[in-house]
Amino acid sequence: MDVVWVGSPNKDKGREALRPMAVVIHIMDGTLQGTDTWFLDPASRVSAHYGVGTAGAVHQYVAEGDTAWHAGRRYQPTWKLIKDTPNPNFYTIGVEHEGQVDTPWSDAMLGTSTHLVMEICNRWSIAIDRDHVIGHREIYARKTCPGTWIDLDDFVARVRRLALDPASYNLVDRSGSVQARLDLNLRAGAPTTLAPIARTVPGGSTLEYAGSTSNGLTVNGNAHWYRSSDGEFFWAGATTGPVPAT
């Protein structure tokens, strides 16, 4: 995915030792260009990690490991995982979308956003469900953000389908074998724990592989997975080859 770095001064370095545990979906109430200008202004004191435009462009304002200022205020929150302290900015990633609260989302923006959210969730091991992909209004009920048009249940279902599609990953054909260091689940169809378990092999088993990917679901900091000739995926971190040879 092509991402244009814009950069915003409105952020906190780091996350107070927390990790992102959810993605917050926003609507810009304006244009991508206008949002760039607003987030670049220190006086605005607002930002998000990403902005997605109606044509499918993605702009990044804050690194994912840093804290953007997108959802710090709370009012009658309905999000069940919200913490008493600190504010939600420190454990969420914010994704803005071009348009108004009642503007239909273009196919390009919807498609790009679902891919982006899938990648974010895979990088940070965030569950792809409605407890972990939420609307801003679930934190701050005075807002309708992300708007009346987007159905977040449908949005999350689209993200899940992408995560289960092997075409979503940067698969490289390469063959070899590794040994399982412990009992290891082989997943049917995709390098993620969302995929059903096809079978389990005991530790010490030799596993042949026909390919690998470096952007599967991140487990314990490792996003590498192997693919068998049968289309089964197994996490490289549980093998004698935690990083596939190139």
Protein backbone atom coordinates (compact mmCIF):
# COMPACT_ATOMS: atom_id res chain seq x y z
CA MET A 1 0.00 0.00 0.00
CA ASP A 2 1.31 3.44 -0.96
CA VAL A 3 1.28 5.82 2.00
CA VAL A 4 2.20 9.50 1.75
CA TRP A 5 3.95 10.77 4.86
CA VAL A 6 2.62 14.19 5.85
CA GLY A 7 3.66 14.35 9.49
CA SER A 8 1.92 16.31 12.23
CA PRO A 9 3.47 18.11 15.20
CA ASN A 10 0.36 17.27 17.22
CA LYS A 11 1.37 14.07 18.97
CA ASP A 12 3.00 12.52 22.01
CA LYS A 13 6.17 10.53 21.51
CA GLY A 14 5.52 6.92 22.45
CA ARG A 15 2.45 5.56 24.21
CA GLU A 16 3.22 5.62 27.95
CA ALA A 17 4.34 1.97 27.73
CA LEU A 18 0.99 0.91 26.23
CA ARG A 19 0.32 -0.78 22.88
CA PRO A 20 -2.43 -0.07 20.38
CA MET A 21 -5.38 -2.32 21.17
CA ALA A 22 -8.05 -0.84 18.90
CA VAL A 23 -8.58 1.15 15.70
CA VAL A 24 -10.88 4.17 15.84
CA ILE A 25 -12.71 5.09 12.63
CA HIS A 26 -13.34 8.81 12.02
CA ILE A 27 -14.90 11.08 9.39
CA MET A 28 -13.04 14.27 8.50
CA ASP A 29 -16.05 16.53 8.02
CA GLY A 30 -13.99 17.94 5.17
CA THR A 31 -11.41 17.14 2.51
CA LEU A 32 -8.14 15.26 2.67
CA GLN A 33 -6.26 18.43 1.69
CA GLY A 34 -8.04 20.44 4.36
CA THR A 35 -7.27 17.78 6.96
CA ASP A 36 -3.58 17.88 5.99
CA THR A 37 -3.57 21.62 6.64
CA TRP A 38 -5.46 21.30 9.93
CA PHE A 39 -3.25 18.53 11.29
CA LEU A 40 -0.09 20.43 10.31
CA ASP A 41 -1.18 23.45 12.36
CA PRO A 42 0.13 23.22 15.96
CA ALA A 43 -2.70 25.50 17.07
CA SER A 44 -5.32 22.90 16.08
CA ARG A 45 -4.01 20.42 18.68
CA VAL A 46 -5.58 17.51 16.79
CA SER A 47 -4.27 14.74 14.57
CA ALA A 48 -4.80 11.12 13.61
CA HIS A 49 -2.45 8.42 12.45
CA TYR A 50 -3.93 8.16 8.95
CA GLY A 51 -6.29 9.86 6.55
CA VAL A 52 -7.95 8.07 3.63
CA GLY A 53 -9.24 10.07 0.67
CA THR A 54 -12.22 9.41 -1.58
CA ALA A 55 -9.88 8.45 -4.44
CA GLY A 56 -8.08 5.92 -2.21
CA ALA A 57 -5.02 7.99 -1.26
CA VAL A 58 -3.58 7.34 2.20
CA HIS A 59 -1.80 10.07 4.17
CA GLN A 60 0.04 9.37 7.40
CA TYR A 61 0.35 12.04 10.07
CA VAL A 62 1.72 10.19 13.10
CA ALA A 63 3.78 7.00 13.40
CA GLU A 64 1.79 4.09 14.80
CA GLY A 65 4.17 3.78 17.74
CA ASP A 66 3.41 7.38 18.76
CA THR A 67 0.22 8.87 20.17
CA ALA A 68 -2.02 10.91 17.88
CA TRP A 69 -4.58 13.33 19.33
CA HIS A 70 -7.78 11.95 17.84
CA ALA A 71 -9.95 10.48 20.60
CA GLY A 72 -8.80 11.86 23.93
CA ARG A 73 -12.13 13.23 25.16
CA ARG A 74 -14.75 10.91 26.62
CA TYR A 75 -18.48 11.44 26.95
CA GLN A 76 -20.89 8.63 27.80
CA PRO A 77 -18.66 6.04 26.13
CA THR A 78 -20.24 2.79 24.97
CA TRP A 79 -16.97 1.09 24.07
CA LYS A 80 -16.69 -1.79 26.51
CA LEU A 81 -12.86 -1.88 26.50
CA ILE A 82 -12.30 1.77 27.40
CA LYS A 83 -9.92 2.31 30.33
CA ASP A 84 -10.34 4.73 33.23
CA THR A 85 -6.87 6.09 32.57
CA PRO A 86 -4.97 7.17 30.52
CA ASN A 87 -7.05 8.70 27.73
CA PRO A 88 -7.84 6.46 24.73
CA ASN A 89 -5.31 8.17 22.46
CA PHE A 90 -2.56 6.17 24.14
CA TYR A 91 -3.96 2.76 23.19
CA THR A 92 -5.73 3.36 19.88
CA ILE A 93 -4.86 4.12 16.26
CA GLY A 94 -6.99 6.74 14.52
CA VAL A 95 -8.01 6.55 10.86
CA GLU A 96 -9.78 9.56 9.31
CA HIS A 97 -11.91 9.43 6.13
CA GLU A 98 -12.67 12.19 3.66
CA GLY A 99 -16.21 13.53 3.53
CA GLN A 100 -19.10 14.59 5.74
CA VAL A 101 -21.09 12.55 8.26
CA ASP A 102 -23.81 11.78 5.68
CA THR A 103 -21.54 11.36 2.63
CA PRO A 104 -21.55 7.87 1.04
CA TRP A 105 -18.07 6.36 1.00
CA SER A 106 -16.59 5.72 -2.43
CA ASP A 107 -15.60 2.17 -3.34
CA ALA A 108 -11.97 3.33 -3.52
CA MET A 109 -12.02 4.79 -0.01
CA LEU A 110 -13.83 1.81 1.48
CA GLY A 111 -11.50 -0.68 -0.19
CA THR A 112 -8.35 1.18 0.80
CA SER A 113 -9.54 1.69 4.36
CA THR A 114 -10.37 -1.97 4.90
CA HIS A 115 -6.92 -2.96 3.61
CA LEU A 116 -5.26 -0.38 5.84
CA VAL A 117 -7.16 -1.49 8.94
CA MET A 118 -6.36 -5.14 8.20
CA GLU A 119 -2.65 -4.29 7.98
CA ILE A 120 -2.78 -2.28 11.22
CA CYS A 121 -4.55 -5.11 13.04
CA ASN A 122 -2.04 -7.66 11.77
CA ARG A 123 0.94 -5.51 12.75
CA TRP A 124 -0.28 -5.00 16.30
CA SER A 125 -2.15 -8.31 16.84
CA ILE A 126 -5.42 -6.41 17.22
CA ALA A 127 -8.50 -8.63 17.02
CA ILE A 128 -10.64 -7.89 13.97
CA ASP A 129 -14.01 -7.51 15.64
CA ARG A 130 -16.37 -4.78 16.80
CA ASP A 131 -14.73 -4.58 20.21
CA HIS A 132 -11.45 -3.58 18.60
CA VAL A 133 -12.54 -1.65 15.48
CA ILE A 134 -14.82 1.11 16.69
CA GLY A 135 -16.35 4.44 15.77
CA HIS A 136 -15.29 7.68 17.45
CA ARG A 137 -18.84 8.13 18.75
CA GLU A 138 -18.35 5.02 20.91
CA ILE A 139 -15.82 7.07 22.91
CA TYR A 140 -17.39 10.52 22.58
CA ALA A 141 -21.17 10.25 22.26
CA ARG A 142 -21.70 13.93 21.42
CA LYS A 143 -20.36 13.14 17.94
CA THR A 144 -21.92 11.11 15.13
CA CYS A 145 -18.39 10.34 13.85
CA PRO A 146 -17.68 8.35 11.68
CA GLY A 147 -21.06 9.31 10.26
CA THR A 148 -24.44 7.89 9.42
CA TRP A 149 -23.49 6.18 6.17
CA ILE A 150 -20.83 3.68 7.20
CA ASP A 151 -22.03 0.40 8.75
CA LEU A 152 -19.20 -0.59 11.07
CA ASP A 153 -20.44 -4.18 11.40
CA ASP A 154 -20.19 -4.52 7.62
CA PHE A 155 -16.83 -2.71 7.64
CA VAL A 156 -15.38 -5.17 10.14
CA ALA A 157 -16.76 -8.11 8.16
CA ARG A 158 -14.95 -6.78 5.08
CA VAL A 159 -11.70 -6.47 7.03
CA ARG A 160 -12.05 -10.06 8.25
CA ARG A 161 -12.63 -11.32 4.70
CA LEU A 162 -9.46 -9.57 3.57
CA ALA A 163 -7.49 -11.08 6.44
CA LEU A 164 -8.63 -14.54 5.32
CA ASP A 165 -7.70 -13.93 1.67
CA PRO A 166 -4.18 -15.17 0.85
CA ALA A 167 -3.97 -12.53 -1.90
CA SER A 168 -3.77 -9.89 0.87
CA TYR A 169 -0.26 -11.04 1.78
CA ASN A 170 3.16 -10.67 0.15
CA LEU A 171 3.66 -14.37 -0.52
CA VAL A 172 7.01 -15.39 -1.97
CA ASP A 173 7.56 -18.79 -3.56
CA ARG A 174 10.47 -20.55 -1.88
CA SER A 175 10.84 -24.16 -0.79
CA GLY A 176 12.57 -25.85 2.09
CA SER A 177 11.90 -27.47 5.42
CA VAL A 178 11.92 -26.51 9.09
CA GLN A 179 11.18 -28.28 12.34
CA ALA A 180 8.41 -27.37 14.75
CA ARG A 181 9.86 -26.36 18.11
CA LEU A 182 6.57 -27.10 19.86
CA ASP A 183 3.11 -28.37 18.98
CA LEU A 184 2.10 -26.23 16.02
CA ASN A 185 -1.24 -25.42 14.41
CA LEU A 186 -1.41 -25.29 10.62
CA ARG A 187 -4.05 -22.82 9.42
CA ALA A 188 -6.18 -23.33 6.33
CA GLY A 189 -5.88 -20.62 3.70
CA ALA A 190 -4.30 -17.59 5.39
CA PRO A 191 -1.43 -16.60 7.74
CA THR A 192 -3.61 -15.58 10.65
CA THR A 193 -5.23 -17.14 13.68
CA LEU A 194 -8.57 -16.09 12.17
CA ALA A 195 -8.13 -18.97 9.73
CA PRO A 196 -9.41 -22.36 10.88
CA ILE A 197 -6.95 -24.96 12.15
CA ALA A 198 -6.42 -27.59 9.46
CA ARG A 199 -4.29 -29.83 11.65
CA THR A 200 -1.82 -29.79 14.53
CA VAL A 201 1.64 -31.35 14.42
CA PRO A 202 3.71 -32.26 17.47
CA GLY A 203 6.93 -30.50 18.37
CA GLY A 204 9.91 -31.95 16.54
CA SER A 205 7.95 -32.59 13.34
CA THR A 206 9.61 -31.70 10.04
CA LEU A 207 7.49 -29.40 7.90
CA GLU A 208 8.01 -28.81 4.20
CA TYR A 209 7.12 -25.38 2.87
CA ALA A 210 6.57 -23.97 -0.61
CA GLY A 211 6.42 -20.27 0.22
CA SER A 212 6.42 -17.67 2.95
CA THR A 213 5.16 -14.21 3.83
CA SER A 214 6.55 -11.45 6.02
CA ASN A 215 3.27 -9.63 6.67
CA GLY A 216 1.03 -12.22 8.26
CA LEU A 217 -0.49 -11.78 11.69
CA THR A 218 2.23 -10.61 14.08
CA VAL A 219 2.70 -13.06 16.94
CA ASN A 220 5.20 -12.16 19.67
CA GLY A 221 6.74 -9.57 17.36
CA ASN A 222 7.16 -11.94 14.39
CA ALA A 223 4.98 -11.57 11.27
CA HIS A 224 6.66 -14.36 9.24
CA TRP A 225 4.60 -17.39 8.23
CA TYR A 226 5.31 -20.37 5.98
CA ARG A 227 2.92 -21.80 3.39
CA SER A 228 2.79 -25.50 2.58
CA SER A 229 2.15 -26.87 -0.90
CA ASP A 230 -1.40 -27.63 0.30
CA GLY A 231 -2.08 -23.98 1.14
CA GLU A 232 -1.72 -24.43 4.89
CA PHE A 233 0.06 -21.69 6.85
CA PHE A 234 2.13 -22.04 9.99
CA TRP A 235 3.82 -19.38 12.10
CA ALA A 236 7.57 -19.23 11.54
CA GLY A 237 8.26 -18.17 15.12
CA ALA A 238 7.37 -21.65 16.36
CA THR A 239 9.92 -23.31 14.05
CA THR A 240 13.68 -23.64 13.73
CA GLY A 241 13.49 -20.99 10.98
CA PRO A 242 11.79 -18.01 12.66
CA VAL A 243 12.83 -15.76 9.75
CA PRO A 244 12.65 -17.49 6.35
CA ALA A 245 15.90 -17.59 4.42
CA THR A 246 16.00 -15.32 1.38
